Structure formats: C-alpha cells, structure tokens
Amino acid sequence: MSNDPRLRLSKAQRALARTQKGSARRQRARQRVSRLHHEVAVRRSTALHALTKQLATRFAVVAVKALRGRTALRMEQMKIAADT
C-alpha cells in the first residue's frame, strides 16, 4: 500500500463509490475516507506551519500583501492591451 495519503484517499473514494448504499461495508468505507481526508488536512496544516516557522526564524520582517485575483488579472490584461 502506498504511503501517500492522497493516493490512498483516491483509492478509498473509488471503493466507497462501488459499495451499496445503506450497507455496513459502505459505513466502514465512509469512515475510512473521512479519516484519510483528515490525514491529508493535518499534513497540509503541518507543512504550512513548518514553512511559516522557517520564514519567521529566517527573516526579521515578513510582509504579506493581499491581492484580489480579478483586479490583478484585469490590470494585467489592460497592461498587455496598452503595450500592443
């Protein structure tokens, strides 16, 4: 069995899709999918925490700029149109 929880999750989701609704096996499959979703979420959270910890210890000041996706895309398109 693979060690990557994302691969195990996709396999468990396919197995869940094949089970019959209302069965005990489906309930176990749902619990397995739920547990794997939690495992993936915990890994992402841990990786994010490790990255932010590394940035905080490595640099004296960390600046974060909130960008609005639509506005940035529109400005980029306007800039390209102006250049041509």
C-alpha atoms as a PDB file:
ATOM      1  CA  MET A   1       0.000   0.000   0.000  1.00  0.00           C
ATOM      2  CA  SER A   2       1.206   3.473  -0.860  1.00  0.00           C
ATOM      3  CA  ASN A   3       2.437   5.813   1.844  1.00  0.00           C
ATOM      4  CA  ASP A   4       0.947   8.908   0.177  1.00  0.00           C
ATOM      5  CA  PRO A   5      -2.412   9.652   1.812  1.00  0.00           C
ATOM      6  CA  ARG A   6      -3.693  11.371  -1.351  1.00  0.00           C
ATOM      7  CA  LEU A   7      -3.312   8.152  -3.333  1.00  0.00           C
ATOM      8  CA  ARG A   8      -4.880   6.122  -0.547  1.00  0.00           C
ATOM      9  CA  LEU A   9      -7.711   8.668  -0.384  1.00  0.00           C
ATOM     10  CA  SER A  10      -8.484   8.403  -4.094  1.00  0.00           C
ATOM     11  CA  LYS A  11      -8.455   4.601  -3.879  1.00  0.00           C
ATOM     12  CA  ALA A  12     -10.741   4.688  -0.829  1.00  0.00           C
ATOM     13  CA  GLN A  13     -13.123   7.070  -2.597  1.00  0.00           C
ATOM     14  CA  ARG A  14     -13.371   4.719  -5.572  1.00  0.00           C
ATOM     15  CA  ALA A  15     -14.026   1.809  -3.216  1.00  0.00           C
ATOM     16  CA  LEU A  16     -16.734   3.853  -1.471  1.00  0.00           C
ATOM     17  CA  ALA A  17     -18.370   4.625  -4.811  1.00  0.00           C
ATOM     18  CA  ARG A  18     -18.654   0.901  -5.550  1.00  0.00           C
ATOM     19  CA  THR A  19     -20.376  -0.004  -2.267  1.00  0.00           C
ATOM     20  CA  GLN A  20     -24.111  -0.439  -1.868  1.00  0.00           C
ATOM     21  CA  LYS A  21     -25.948   2.375  -0.089  1.00  0.00           C
ATOM     22  CA  GLY A  22     -27.019   1.519   3.445  1.00  0.00           C
ATOM     23  CA  SER A  23     -24.592  -1.375   3.905  1.00  0.00           C
ATOM     24  CA  ALA A  24     -22.207  -1.837   6.813  1.00  0.00           C
ATOM     25  CA  ARG A  25     -19.311  -2.044   4.353  1.00  0.00           C
ATOM     26  CA  ARG A  26     -20.288   1.388   2.970  1.00  0.00           C
ATOM     27  CA  GLN A  27     -20.265   2.815   6.506  1.00  0.00           C
ATOM     28  CA  ARG A  28     -16.741   1.482   7.050  1.00  0.00           C
ATOM     29  CA  ALA A  29     -15.677   2.866   3.663  1.00  0.00           C
ATOM     30  CA  ARG A  30     -17.127   6.294   4.560  1.00  0.00           C
ATOM     31  CA  GLN A  31     -15.220   6.270   7.848  1.00  0.00           C
ATOM     32  CA  ARG A  32     -12.012   5.361   6.018  1.00  0.00           C
ATOM     33  CA  VAL A  33     -12.484   8.198   3.502  1.00  0.00           C
ATOM     34  CA  SER A  34     -13.210  10.602   6.359  1.00  0.00           C
ATOM     35  CA  ARG A  35     -10.081   9.527   8.240  1.00  0.00           C
ATOM     36  CA  LEU A  36      -7.936   9.920   5.108  1.00  0.00           C
ATOM     37  CA  HIS A  37      -9.392  13.385   4.442  1.00  0.00           C
ATOM     38  CA  HIS A  38      -8.408  14.310   7.995  1.00  0.00           C
ATOM     39  CA  GLU A  39      -4.910  12.895   7.490  1.00  0.00           C
ATOM     40  CA  VAL A  40      -4.416  14.959   4.316  1.00  0.00           C
ATOM     41  CA  ALA A  41      -5.681  18.089   6.110  1.00  0.00           C
ATOM     42  CA  VAL A  42      -3.307  17.518   9.024  1.00  0.00           C
ATOM     43  CA  ARG A  43      -0.347  17.050   6.676  1.00  0.00           C
ATOM     44  CA  ARG A  44      -1.164  20.278   4.845  1.00  0.00           C
ATOM     45  CA  SER A  45      -1.544  22.151   8.117  1.00  0.00           C
ATOM     46  CA  THR A  46       1.746  20.759   9.415  1.00  0.00           C
ATOM     47  CA  ALA A  47       3.572  21.675   6.207  1.00  0.00           C
ATOM     48  CA  LEU A  48       2.135  25.193   6.289  1.00  0.00           C
ATOM     49  CA  HIS A  49       3.149  25.613   9.929  1.00  0.00           C
ATOM     50  CA  ALA A  50       6.674  24.367   9.202  1.00  0.00           C
ATOM     51  CA  LEU A  51       7.016  26.793   6.282  1.00  0.00           C
ATOM     52  CA  THR A  52       5.771  29.802   8.245  1.00  0.00           C
ATOM     53  CA  LYS A  53       8.028  28.879  11.178  1.00  0.00           C
ATOM     54  CA  GLN A  54      11.014  28.676   8.834  1.00  0.00           C
ATOM     55  CA  LEU A  55      10.183  32.057   7.282  1.00  0.00           C
ATOM     56  CA  ALA A  56       9.682  33.666  10.679  1.00  0.00           C
ATOM     57  CA  THR A  57      13.030  32.448  12.014  1.00  0.00           C
ATOM     58  CA  ARG A  58      14.934  33.131   8.794  1.00  0.00           C
ATOM     59  CA  PHE A  59      13.809  36.701   8.180  1.00  0.00           C
ATOM     60  CA  ALA A  60      13.436  39.635  10.565  1.00  0.00           C
ATOM     61  CA  VAL A  61      10.400  41.055   8.782  1.00  0.00           C
ATOM     62  CA  VAL A  62       7.853  39.212   6.675  1.00  0.00           C
ATOM     63  CA  ALA A  63       5.390  41.299   4.663  1.00  0.00           C
ATOM     64  CA  VAL A  64       2.149  39.875   3.310  1.00  0.00           C
ATOM     65  CA  LYS A  65       0.190  41.563   0.587  1.00  0.00           C
ATOM     66  CA  ALA A  66      -3.414  40.586  -0.034  1.00  0.00           C
ATOM     67  CA  LEU A  67      -4.153  40.514  -3.746  1.00  0.00           C
ATOM     68  CA  ARG A  68      -7.560  40.445  -5.311  1.00  0.00           C
ATOM     69  CA  GLY A  69      -7.377  37.948  -8.142  1.00  0.00           C
ATOM     70  CA  ARG A  70      -9.860  39.581 -10.500  1.00  0.00           C
ATOM     71  CA  THR A  71      -8.363  43.036 -10.108  1.00  0.00           C
ATOM     72  CA  ALA A  72      -4.820  41.778 -10.674  1.00  0.00           C
ATOM     73  CA  LEU A  73      -5.905  39.837 -13.746  1.00  0.00           C
ATOM     74  CA  ARG A  74      -7.808  42.824 -15.155  1.00  0.00           C
ATOM     75  CA  MET A  75      -4.834  45.131 -14.593  1.00  0.00           C
ATOM     76  CA  GLU A  76      -2.520  42.636 -16.321  1.00  0.00           C
ATOM     77  CA  GLN A  77      -4.884  42.399 -19.303  1.00  0.00           C
ATOM     78  CA  MET A  78      -5.090  46.194 -19.514  1.00  0.00           C
ATOM     79  CA  LYS A  79      -1.305  46.418 -19.385  1.00  0.00           C
ATOM     80  CA  ILE A  80      -0.941  43.890 -22.228  1.00  0.00           C
ATOM     81  CA  ALA A  81      -3.570  45.717 -24.299  1.00  0.00           C
ATOM     82  CA  ALA A  82      -1.755  49.033 -23.775  1.00  0.00           C
ATOM     83  CA  ASP A  83       1.571  47.536 -24.902  1.00  0.00           C
ATOM     84  CA  THR A  84       0.182  46.318 -28.234  1.00  0.00           C
END
